[in-house]
Amino acid sequence: MSEKKFKLSARISSANPSAIKPVLERIIGTDGSIKPTSDGFEVNAEFKDESARNLNRMLLSELRKAEKKTRIRSEWTSEDTTEKFFDYALKQTKKVNQN
């Protein structure tokens, strides 16, 4: 399987946003944006990997090492497919340009 380019759009909430902020900054780096919200962050970034599931699992696992009570609602888009996750669970897969 080859690496694909994924665009991430996520809302991350946490019992302790200040604990997960440095982790997010390390993972996202300068290739994305992190905006504070009332209970966490809105994140937009780009990643490369074989699957959205791998990327989502990596991101949530790293965040939960810093703060166990962290939740993520994410959309990973690659080419014409968007995959939506709530925490580790895939909730929806759809083609972007469906008629």
PDB file of N, CA and C in Angstrom:
ATOM      1  N   MET A   1       0.844  -1.179   0.000  1.00  0.00           N
ATOM      2  CA  MET A   1       0.000   0.000   0.000  1.00  0.00           C
ATOM      3  C   MET A   1       0.891   1.245   0.000  1.00  0.00           C
ATOM      4  N   SER A   2       0.546   2.240  -0.777  1.00  0.00           N
ATOM      5  CA  SER A   2       1.367   3.438  -0.872  1.00  0.00           C
ATOM      6  C   SER A   2       0.846   4.542   0.043  1.00  0.00           C
ATOM      7  N   GLU A   3       1.741   5.476   0.352  1.00  0.00           N
ATOM      8  CA  GLU A   3       1.354   6.601   1.183  1.00  0.00           C
ATOM      9  C   GLU A   3       0.454   7.545   0.411  1.00  0.00           C
ATOM     10  N   LYS A   4      -0.547   8.072   1.109  1.00  0.00           N
ATOM     11  CA  LYS A   4      -1.456   9.059   0.534  1.00  0.00           C
ATOM     12  C   LYS A   4      -1.343  10.336   1.346  1.00  0.00           C
ATOM     13  N   LYS A   5      -1.757  11.418   0.738  1.00  0.00           N
ATOM     14  CA  LYS A   5      -1.792  12.707   1.419  1.00  0.00           C
ATOM     15  C   LYS A   5      -3.195  12.908   1.982  1.00  0.00           C
ATOM     16  N   PHE A   6      -3.292  13.201   3.268  1.00  0.00           N
ATOM     17  CA  PHE A   6      -4.580  13.401   3.935  1.00  0.00           C
ATOM     18  C   PHE A   6      -4.660  14.809   4.505  1.00  0.00           C
ATOM     19  N   LYS A   7      -5.839  15.420   4.365  1.00  0.00           N
ATOM     20  CA  LYS A   7      -6.119  16.697   5.020  1.00  0.00           C
ATOM     21  C   LYS A   7      -6.971  16.390   6.241  1.00  0.00           C
ATOM     22  N   LEU A   8      -6.553  16.907   7.367  1.00  0.00           N
ATOM     23  CA  LEU A   8      -7.265  16.700   8.627  1.00  0.00           C
ATOM     24  C   LEU A   8      -8.030  17.955   9.005  1.00  0.00           C
ATOM     25  N   SER A   9      -9.278  17.765   9.400  1.00  0.00           N
ATOM     26  CA  SER A   9     -10.093  18.806  10.014  1.00  0.00           C
ATOM     27  C   SER A   9     -10.680  18.166  11.269  1.00  0.00           C
ATOM     28  N   ALA A  10     -10.341  18.701  12.450  1.00  0.00           N
ATOM     29  CA  ALA A  10     -10.759  18.039  13.688  1.00  0.00           C
ATOM     30  C   ALA A  10     -11.124  19.032  14.773  1.00  0.00           C
ATOM     31  N   ARG A  11     -12.024  18.561  15.646  1.00  0.00           N
ATOM     32  CA  ARG A  11     -12.339  19.247  16.905  1.00  0.00           C
ATOM     33  C   ARG A  11     -11.878  18.310  18.012  1.00  0.00           C
ATOM     34  N   ILE A  12     -10.976  18.805  18.822  1.00  0.00           N
ATOM     35  CA  ILE A  12     -10.415  17.997  19.899  1.00  0.00           C
ATOM     36  C   ILE A  12     -10.805  18.651  21.214  1.00  0.00           C
ATOM     37  N   SER A  13     -11.422  17.866  22.093  1.00  0.00           N
ATOM     38  CA  SER A  13     -11.796  18.387  23.406  1.00  0.00           C
ATOM     39  C   SER A  13     -11.112  17.537  24.473  1.00  0.00           C
ATOM     40  N   SER A  14     -10.866  18.179  25.619  1.00  0.00           N
ATOM     41  CA  SER A  14     -10.105  17.504  26.656  1.00  0.00           C
ATOM     42  C   SER A  14     -10.461  18.060  28.026  1.00  0.00           C
ATOM     43  N   ALA A  15     -10.292  17.221  29.041  1.00  0.00           N
ATOM     44  CA  ALA A  15     -10.486  17.661  30.421  1.00  0.00           C
ATOM     45  C   ALA A  15      -9.375  18.635  30.815  1.00  0.00           C
ATOM     46  N   ASN A  16      -8.236  18.579  30.109  1.00  0.00           N
ATOM     47  CA  ASN A  16      -7.102  19.439  30.413  1.00  0.00           C
ATOM     48  C   ASN A  16      -6.434  19.891  29.113  1.00  0.00           C
ATOM     49  N   PRO A  17      -7.017  20.885  28.420  1.00  0.00           N
ATOM     50  CA  PRO A  17      -6.457  21.333  27.148  1.00  0.00           C
ATOM     51  C   PRO A  17      -4.995  21.768  27.218  1.00  0.00           C
ATOM     52  N   SER A  18      -4.575  22.346  28.331  1.00  0.00           N
ATOM     53  CA  SER A  18      -3.184  22.795  28.428  1.00  0.00           C
ATOM     54  C   SER A  18      -2.202  21.619  28.422  1.00  0.00           C
ATOM     55  N   ALA A  19      -2.652  20.431  28.813  1.00  0.00           N
ATOM     56  CA  ALA A  19      -1.781  19.249  28.796  1.00  0.00           C
ATOM     57  C   ALA A  19      -1.588  18.701  27.389  1.00  0.00           C
ATOM     58  N   ILE A  20      -2.613  18.841  26.546  1.00  0.00           N
ATOM     59  CA  ILE A  20      -2.498  18.278  25.198  1.00  0.00           C
ATOM     60  C   ILE A  20      -1.937  19.279  24.182  1.00  0.00           C
ATOM     61  N   LYS A  21      -1.925  20.566  24.518  1.00  0.00           N
ATOM     62  CA  LYS A  21      -1.456  21.571  23.562  1.00  0.00           C
ATOM     63  C   LYS A  21      -0.021  21.321  23.090  1.00  0.00           C
ATOM     64  N   PRO A  22       0.948  21.044  23.973  1.00  0.00           N
ATOM     65  CA  PRO A  22       2.308  20.795  23.486  1.00  0.00           C
ATOM     66  C   PRO A  22       2.404  19.559  22.580  1.00  0.00           C
ATOM     67  N   VAL A  23       1.591  18.552  22.866  1.00  0.00           N
ATOM     68  CA  VAL A  23       1.576  17.337  22.039  1.00  0.00           C
ATOM     69  C   VAL A  23       1.048  17.676  20.648  1.00  0.00           C
ATOM     70  N   LEU A  24      -0.044  18.430  20.607  1.00  0.00           N
ATOM     71  CA  LEU A  24      -0.605  18.858  19.323  1.00  0.00           C
ATOM     72  C   LEU A  24       0.406  19.678  18.533  1.00  0.00           C
ATOM     73  N   GLU A  25       1.057  20.617  19.205  1.00  0.00           N
ATOM     74  CA  GLU A  25       2.042  21.465  18.519  1.00  0.00           C
ATOM     75  C   GLU A  25       3.188  20.634  17.949  1.00  0.00           C
ATOM     76  N   ARG A  26       3.598  19.602  18.678  1.00  0.00           N
ATOM     77  CA  ARG A  26       4.679  18.734  18.199  1.00  0.00           C
ATOM     78  C   ARG A  26       4.238  17.935  16.983  1.00  0.00           C
ATOM     79  N   ILE A  27       3.028  17.380  17.029  1.00  0.00           N
ATOM     80  CA  ILE A  27       2.535  16.529  15.939  1.00  0.00           C
ATOM     81  C   ILE A  27       2.181  17.361  14.705  1.00  0.00           C
ATOM     82  N   ILE A  28       1.498  18.467  14.896  1.00  0.00           N
ATOM     83  CA  ILE A  28       1.048  19.299  13.781  1.00  0.00           C
ATOM     84  C   ILE A  28       2.207  20.096  13.198  1.00  0.00           C
ATOM     85  N   GLY A  29       3.070  20.595  14.067  1.00  0.00           N
ATOM     86  CA  GLY A  29       4.208  21.381  13.607  1.00  0.00           C
ATOM     87  C   GLY A  29       3.768  22.650  12.894  1.00  0.00           C
ATOM     88  N   THR A  30       4.503  23.008  11.854  1.00  0.00           N
ATOM     89  CA  THR A  30       4.196  24.228  11.106  1.00  0.00           C
ATOM     90  C   THR A  30       3.341  23.936   9.877  1.00  0.00           C
ATOM     91  N   ASP A  31       2.942  22.688   9.700  1.00  0.00           N
ATOM     92  CA  ASP A  31       2.160  22.287   8.523  1.00  0.00           C
ATOM     93  C   ASP A  31       0.653  22.395   8.726  1.00  0.00           C
ATOM     94  N   GLY A  32       0.226  23.049   9.788  1.00  0.00           N
ATOM     95  CA  GLY A  32      -1.205  23.136  10.045  1.00  0.00           C
ATOM     96  C   GLY A  32      -1.518  24.271  10.997  1.00  0.00           C
ATOM     97  N   SER A  33      -2.785  24.319  11.424  1.00  0.00           N
ATOM     98  CA  SER A  33      -3.201  25.360  12.358  1.00  0.00           C
ATOM     99  C   SER A  33      -3.916  24.732  13.552  1.00  0.00           C
ATOM    100  N   ILE A  34      -3.714  25.364  14.705  1.00  0.00           N
ATOM    101  CA  ILE A  34      -4.348  24.939  15.957  1.00  0.00           C
ATOM    102  C   ILE A  34      -5.011  26.172  16.549  1.00  0.00           C
ATOM    103  N   LYS A  35      -6.361  26.139  16.638  1.00  0.00           N
ATOM    104  CA  LYS A  35      -7.098  27.263  17.205  1.00  0.00           C
ATOM    105  C   LYS A  35      -7.764  26.828  18.501  1.00  0.00           C
ATOM    106  N   PRO A  36      -7.553  27.565  19.591  1.00  0.00           N
ATOM    107  CA  PRO A  36      -8.203  27.230  20.858  1.00  0.00           C
ATOM    108  C   PRO A  36      -9.720  27.406  20.775  1.00  0.00           C
ATOM    109  N   THR A  37     -10.456  26.520  21.459  1.00  0.00           N
ATOM    110  CA  THR A  37     -11.905  26.636  21.624  1.00  0.00           C
ATOM    111  C   THR A  37     -12.186  26.603  23.125  1.00  0.00           C
ATOM    112  N   SER A  38     -13.443  26.651  23.504  1.00  0.00           N
ATOM    113  CA  SER A  38     -13.784  26.685  24.932  1.00  0.00           C
ATOM    114  C   SER A  38     -13.370  25.413  25.666  1.00  0.00           C
ATOM    115  N   ASP A  39     -13.363  24.265  24.980  1.00  0.00           N
ATOM    116  CA  ASP A  39     -13.015  23.015  25.664  1.00  0.00           C
ATOM    117  C   ASP A  39     -11.876  22.248  24.987  1.00  0.00           C
ATOM    118  N   GLY A  40     -11.157  22.907  24.085  1.00  0.00           N
ATOM    119  CA  GLY A  40     -10.062  22.210  23.411  1.00  0.00           C
ATOM    120  C   GLY A  40      -9.529  22.995  22.235  1.00  0.00           C
ATOM    121  N   PHE A  41      -9.500  22.344  21.049  1.00  0.00           N
ATOM    122  CA  PHE A  41      -8.875  22.960  19.886  1.00  0.00           C
ATOM    123  C   PHE A  41      -9.574  22.554  18.590  1.00  0.00           C
ATOM    124  N   GLU A  42      -9.487  23.434  17.593  1.00  0.00           N
ATOM    125  CA  GLU A  42      -9.832  23.102  16.221  1.00  0.00           C
ATOM    126  C   GLU A  42      -8.507  22.972  15.493  1.00  0.00           C
ATOM    127  N   VAL A  43      -8.352  21.881  14.751  1.00  0.00           N
ATOM    128  CA  VAL A  43      -7.080  21.598  14.098  1.00  0.00           C
ATOM    129  C   VAL A  43      -7.300  21.360  12.611  1.00  0.00           C
ATOM    130  N   ASN A  44      -6.433  21.948  11.800  1.00  0.00           N
ATOM    131  CA  ASN A  44      -6.385  21.688  10.367  1.00  0.00           C
ATOM    132  C   ASN A  44      -4.924  21.431  10.016  1.00  0.00           C
ATOM    133  N   ALA A  45      -4.683  20.332   9.304  1.00  0.00           N
ATOM    134  CA  ALA A  45      -3.306  19.980   8.980  1.00  0.00           C
ATOM    135  C   ALA A  45      -3.273  18.986   7.825  1.00  0.00           C
ATOM    136  N   GLU A  46      -2.068  18.669   7.374  1.00  0.00           N
ATOM    137  CA  GLU A  46      -1.869  17.665   6.340  1.00  0.00           C
ATOM    138  C   GLU A  46      -0.871  16.630   6.832  1.00  0.00           C
ATOM    139  N   PHE A  47      -1.155  15.373   6.486  1.00  0.00           N
ATOM    140  CA  PHE A  47      -0.304  14.254   6.873  1.00  0.00           C
ATOM    141  C   PHE A  47      -0.155  13.307   5.695  1.00  0.00           C
ATOM    142  N   LYS A  48       0.867  12.454   5.766  1.00  0.00           N
ATOM    143  CA  LYS A  48       1.019  11.379   4.786  1.00  0.00           C
ATOM    144  C   LYS A  48       1.077  10.057   5.523  1.00  0.00           C
ATOM    145  N   ASP A  49       0.331   9.078   5.036  1.00  0.00           N
ATOM    146  CA  ASP A  49       0.326   7.730   5.608  1.00  0.00           C
ATOM    147  C   ASP A  49      -0.450   6.837   4.655  1.00  0.00           C
ATOM    148  N   GLU A  50      -0.540   5.566   5.020  1.00  0.00           N
ATOM    149  CA  GLU A  50      -1.270   4.615   4.191  1.00  0.00           C
ATOM    150  C   GLU A  50      -2.778   4.717   4.376  1.00  0.00           C
ATOM    151  N   SER A  51      -3.226   5.100   5.597  1.00  0.00           N
ATOM    152  CA  SER A  51      -4.665   5.158   5.826  1.00  0.00           C
ATOM    153  C   SER A  51      -5.031   6.221   6.862  1.00  0.00           C
ATOM    154  N   ALA A  52      -6.256   6.699   6.744  1.00  0.00           N
ATOM    155  CA  ALA A  52      -6.781   7.661   7.710  1.00  0.00           C
ATOM    156  C   ALA A  52      -6.892   7.013   9.087  1.00  0.00           C
ATOM    157  N   ARG A  53      -7.257   5.739   9.121  1.00  0.00           N
ATOM    158  CA  ARG A  53      -7.390   5.029  10.396  1.00  0.00           C
ATOM    159  C   ARG A  53      -6.063   5.042  11.174  1.00  0.00           C
ATOM    160  N   ASN A  54      -4.947   4.781  10.484  1.00  0.00           N
ATOM    161  CA  ASN A  54      -3.632   4.813  11.135  1.00  0.00           C
ATOM    162  C   ASN A  54      -3.332   6.198  11.703  1.00  0.00           C
ATOM    163  N   LEU A  55      -3.584   7.221  10.900  1.00  0.00           N
ATOM    164  CA  LEU A  55      -3.314   8.583  11.344  1.00  0.00           C
ATOM    165  C   LEU A  55      -4.183   8.978  12.524  1.00  0.00           C
ATOM    166  N   ASN A  56      -5.461   8.650  12.469  1.00  0.00           N
ATOM    167  CA  ASN A  56      -6.382   8.984  13.546  1.00  0.00           C
ATOM    168  C   ASN A  56      -5.977   8.278  14.843  1.00  0.00           C
ATOM    169  N   ARG A  57      -5.626   7.000  14.733  1.00  0.00           N
ATOM    170  CA  ARG A  57      -5.203   6.226  15.906  1.00  0.00           C
ATOM    171  C   ARG A  57      -3.934   6.815  16.517  1.00  0.00           C
ATOM    172  N   MET A  58      -2.960   7.167  15.675  1.00  0.00           N
ATOM    173  CA  MET A  58      -1.709   7.741  16.159  1.00  0.00           C
ATOM    174  C   MET A  58      -1.972   9.053  16.901  1.00  0.00           C
ATOM    175  N   LEU A  59      -2.777   9.916  16.293  1.00  0.00           N
ATOM    176  CA  LEU A  59      -3.056  11.222  16.896  1.00  0.00           C
ATOM    177  C   LEU A  59      -3.770  11.078  18.238  1.00  0.00           C
ATOM    178  N   LEU A  60      -4.836  10.306  18.291  1.00  0.00           N
ATOM    179  CA  LEU A  60      -5.591  10.157  19.538  1.00  0.00           C
ATOM    180  C   LEU A  60      -4.765   9.448  20.610  1.00  0.00           C
ATOM    181  N   SER A  61      -3.998   8.447  20.234  1.00  0.00           N
ATOM    182  CA  SER A  61      -3.164   7.736  21.214  1.00  0.00           C
ATOM    183  C   SER A  61      -2.149   8.677  21.851  1.00  0.00           C
ATOM    184  N   GLU A  62      -1.499   9.510  21.029  1.00  0.00           N
ATOM    185  CA  GLU A  62      -0.530  10.467  21.561  1.00  0.00           C
ATOM    186  C   GLU A  62      -1.190  11.475  22.494  1.00  0.00           C
ATOM    187  N   LEU A  63      -2.364  11.961  22.113  1.00  0.00           N
ATOM    188  CA  LEU A  63      -3.070  12.937  22.949  1.00  0.00           C
ATOM    189  C   LEU A  63      -3.518  12.314  24.265  1.00  0.00           C
ATOM    190  N   ARG A  64      -3.973  11.064  24.210  1.00  0.00           N
ATOM    191  CA  ARG A  64      -4.439  10.406  25.440  1.00  0.00           C
ATOM    192  C   ARG A  64      -3.297  10.020  26.368  1.00  0.00           C
ATOM    193  N   LYS A  65      -2.079   9.964  25.880  1.00  0.00           N
ATOM    194  CA  LYS A  65      -0.932   9.760  26.776  1.00  0.00           C
ATOM    195  C   LYS A  65      -0.755  10.984  27.667  1.00  0.00           C
ATOM    196  N   ALA A  66      -1.072  12.156  27.132  1.00  0.00           N
ATOM    197  CA  ALA A  66      -0.954  13.402  27.899  1.00  0.00           C
ATOM    198  C   ALA A  66      -2.168  13.636  28.788  1.00  0.00           C
ATOM    199  N   GLU A  67      -3.362  13.303  28.287  1.00  0.00           N
ATOM    200  CA  GLU A  67      -4.604  13.482  29.050  1.00  0.00           C
ATOM    201  C   GLU A  67      -5.598  12.413  28.619  1.00  0.00           C
ATOM    202  N   LYS A  68      -5.900  11.510  29.540  1.00  0.00           N
ATOM    203  CA  LYS A  68      -6.757  10.368  29.220  1.00  0.00           C
ATOM    204  C   LYS A  68      -8.149  10.776  28.735  1.00  0.00           C
ATOM    205  N   LYS A  69      -8.687  11.842  29.319  1.00  0.00           N
ATOM    206  CA  LYS A  69     -10.037  12.285  28.948  1.00  0.00           C
ATOM    207  C   LYS A  69      -9.976  13.271  27.784  1.00  0.00           C
ATOM    208  N   THR A  70      -9.542  12.761  26.638  1.00  0.00           N
ATOM    209  CA  THR A  70      -9.458  13.554  25.414  1.00  0.00           C
ATOM    210  C   THR A  70     -10.317  12.884  24.357  1.00  0.00           C
ATOM    211  N   ARG A  71     -11.088  13.707  23.629  1.00  0.00           N
ATOM    212  CA  ARG A  71     -11.972  13.195  22.575  1.00  0.00           C
ATOM    213  C   ARG A  71     -11.649  13.899  21.272  1.00  0.00           C
ATOM    214  N   ILE A  72     -11.877  13.189  20.168  1.00  0.00           N
ATOM    215  CA  ILE A  72     -11.610  13.786  18.861  1.00  0.00           C
ATOM    216  C   ILE A  72     -12.739  13.458  17.891  1.00  0.00           C
ATOM    217  N   ARG A  73     -13.186  14.463  17.190  1.00  0.00           N
ATOM    218  CA  ARG A  73     -14.105  14.315  16.053  1.00  0.00           C
ATOM    219  C   ARG A  73     -13.303  14.790  14.849  1.00  0.00           C
ATOM    220  N   SER A  74     -12.991  13.862  13.956  1.00  0.00           N
ATOM    221  CA  SER A  74     -12.087  14.206  12.868  1.00  0.00           C
ATOM    222  C   SER A  74     -12.625  13.800  11.507  1.00  0.00           C
ATOM    223  N   GLU A  75     -12.188  14.552  10.510  1.00  0.00           N
ATOM    224  CA  GLU A  75     -12.457  14.236   9.113  1.00  0.00           C
ATOM    225  C   GLU A  75     -11.117  14.195   8.398  1.00  0.00           C
ATOM    226  N   TRP A  76     -10.852  13.070   7.755  1.00  0.00           N
ATOM    227  CA  TRP A  76      -9.620  12.876   6.996  1.00  0.00           C
ATOM    228  C   TRP A  76      -9.995  12.763   5.527  1.00  0.00           C
ATOM    229  N   THR A  77      -9.487  13.671   4.696  1.00  0.00           N
ATOM    230  CA  THR A  77      -9.827  13.683   3.275  1.00  0.00           C
ATOM    231  C   THR A  77      -8.583  13.400   2.448  1.00  0.00           C
ATOM    232  N   SER A  78      -8.715  12.435   1.542  1.00  0.00           N
ATOM    233  CA  SER A  78      -7.650  12.103   0.601  1.00  0.00           C
ATOM    234  C   SER A  78      -8.284  11.904  -0.764  1.00  0.00           C
ATOM    235  N   GLU A  79      -7.785  12.638  -1.738  1.00  0.00           N
ATOM    236  CA  GLU A  79      -8.311  12.593  -3.097  1.00  0.00           C
ATOM    237  C   GLU A  79      -9.815  12.831  -3.064  1.00  0.00           C
ATOM    238  N   ASP A  80     -10.639  11.832  -3.357  1.00  0.00           N
ATOM    239  CA  ASP A  80     -12.085  12.046  -3.424  1.00  0.00           C
ATOM    240  C   ASP A  80     -12.856  11.370  -2.290  1.00  0.00           C
ATOM    241  N   THR A  81     -12.151  10.986  -1.219  1.00  0.00           N
ATOM    242  CA  THR A  81     -12.797  10.266  -0.123  1.00  0.00           C
ATOM    243  C   THR A  81     -12.582  10.984   1.208  1.00  0.00           C
ATOM    244  N   THR A  82     -13.671  11.104   1.978  1.00  0.00           N
ATOM    245  CA  THR A  82     -13.597  11.664   3.324  1.00  0.00           C
ATOM    246  C   THR A  82     -14.043  10.600   4.315  1.00  0.00           C
ATOM    247  N   GLU A  83     -13.222  10.400   5.356  1.00  0.00           N
ATOM    248  CA  GLU A  83     -13.555   9.449   6.416  1.00  0.00           C
ATOM    249  C   GLU A  83     -13.730  10.235   7.709  1.00  0.00           C
ATOM    250  N   LYS A  84     -14.873  10.018   8.373  1.00  0.00           N
ATOM    251  CA  LYS A  84     -15.177  10.712   9.623  1.00  0.00           C
ATOM    252  C   LYS A  84     -15.033   9.744  10.790  1.00  0.00           C
ATOM    253  N   PHE A  85     -14.339  10.205  11.834  1.00  0.00           N
ATOM    254  CA  PHE A  85     -14.108   9.394  13.030  1.00  0.00           C
ATOM    255  C   PHE A  85     -14.613  10.124  14.260  1.00  0.00           C
ATOM    256  N   PHE A  86     -15.085   9.356  15.239  1.00  0.00           N
ATOM    257  CA  PHE A  86     -15.314   9.848  16.588  1.00  0.00           C
ATOM    258  C   PHE A  86     -14.442   8.980  17.473  1.00  0.00           C
ATOM    259  N   ASP A  87     -13.467   9.580  18.117  1.00  0.00           N
ATOM    260  CA  ASP A  87     -12.425   8.848  18.825  1.00  0.00           C
ATOM    261  C   ASP A  87     -11.808   7.830  17.869  1.00  0.00           C
ATOM    262  N   TYR A  88     -11.785   6.544  18.227  1.00  0.00           N
ATOM    263  CA  TYR A  88     -11.150   5.554  17.354  1.00  0.00           C
ATOM    264  C   TYR A  88     -12.100   4.979  16.306  1.00  0.00           C
ATOM    265  N   ALA A  89     -13.396   5.257  16.428  1.00  0.00           N
ATOM    266  CA  ALA A  89     -14.397   4.597  15.587  1.00  0.00           C
ATOM    267  C   ALA A  89     -14.667   5.357  14.286  1.00  0.00           C
ATOM    268  N   LEU A  90     -14.612   4.622  13.174  1.00  0.00           N
ATOM    269  CA  LEU A  90     -14.990   5.173  11.880  1.00  0.00           C
ATOM    270  C   LEU A  90     -16.509   5.284  11.845  1.00  0.00           C
ATOM    271  N   LYS A  91     -17.020   6.485  11.604  1.00  0.00           N
ATOM    272  CA  LYS A  91     -18.465   6.710  11.601  1.00  0.00           C
ATOM    273  C   LYS A  91     -19.040   6.815  10.195  1.00  0.00           C
ATOM    274  N   GLN A  92     -18.250   7.319   9.249  1.00  0.00           N
ATOM    275  CA  GLN A  92     -18.786   7.506   7.907  1.00  0.00           C
ATOM    276  C   GLN A  92     -17.646   7.613   6.901  1.00  0.00           C
ATOM    277  N   THR A  93     -17.874   7.042   5.715  1.00  0.00           N
ATOM    278  CA  THR A  93     -16.966   7.195   4.594  1.00  0.00           C
ATOM    279  C   THR A  93     -17.816   7.680   3.413  1.00  0.00           C
ATOM    280  N   LYS A  94     -17.350   8.752   2.762  1.00  0.00           N
ATOM    281  CA  LYS A  94     -18.126   9.228   1.615  1.00  0.00           C
ATOM    282  C   LYS A  94     -17.202   9.767   0.537  1.00  0.00           C
ATOM    283  N   LYS A  95     -17.679   9.675  -0.674  1.00  0.00           N
ATOM    284  CA  LYS A  95     -16.981  10.262  -1.810  1.00  0.00           C
ATOM    285  C   LYS A  95     -17.289  11.746  -1.831  1.00  0.00           C
ATOM    286  N   VAL A  96     -16.290  12.569  -2.020  1.00  0.00           N
ATOM    287  CA  VAL A  96     -16.445  14.009  -1.938  1.00  0.00           C
ATOM    288  C   VAL A  96     -17.296  14.554  -3.077  1.00  0.00           C
ATOM    289  N   ASN A  97     -17.029  14.154  -4.308  1.00  0.00           N
ATOM    290  CA  ASN A  97     -17.731  14.728  -5.458  1.00  0.00           C
ATOM    291  C   ASN A  97     -18.822  13.802  -5.978  1.00  0.00           C
ATOM    292  N   GLN A  98     -19.689  13.329  -5.088  1.00  0.00           N
ATOM    293  CA  GLN A  98     -20.803  12.484  -5.508  1.00  0.00           C
ATOM    294  C   GLN A  98     -21.895  13.336  -6.112  1.00  0.00           C
ATOM    295  N   ASN A  99     -22.545  12.814  -7.148  1.00  0.00           N
ATOM    296  CA  ASN A  99     -23.685  13.508  -7.761  1.00  0.00           C
ATOM    297  C   ASN A  99     -24.972  12.880  -7.367  1.00  0.00           C
TER     298      ASN A  99
END
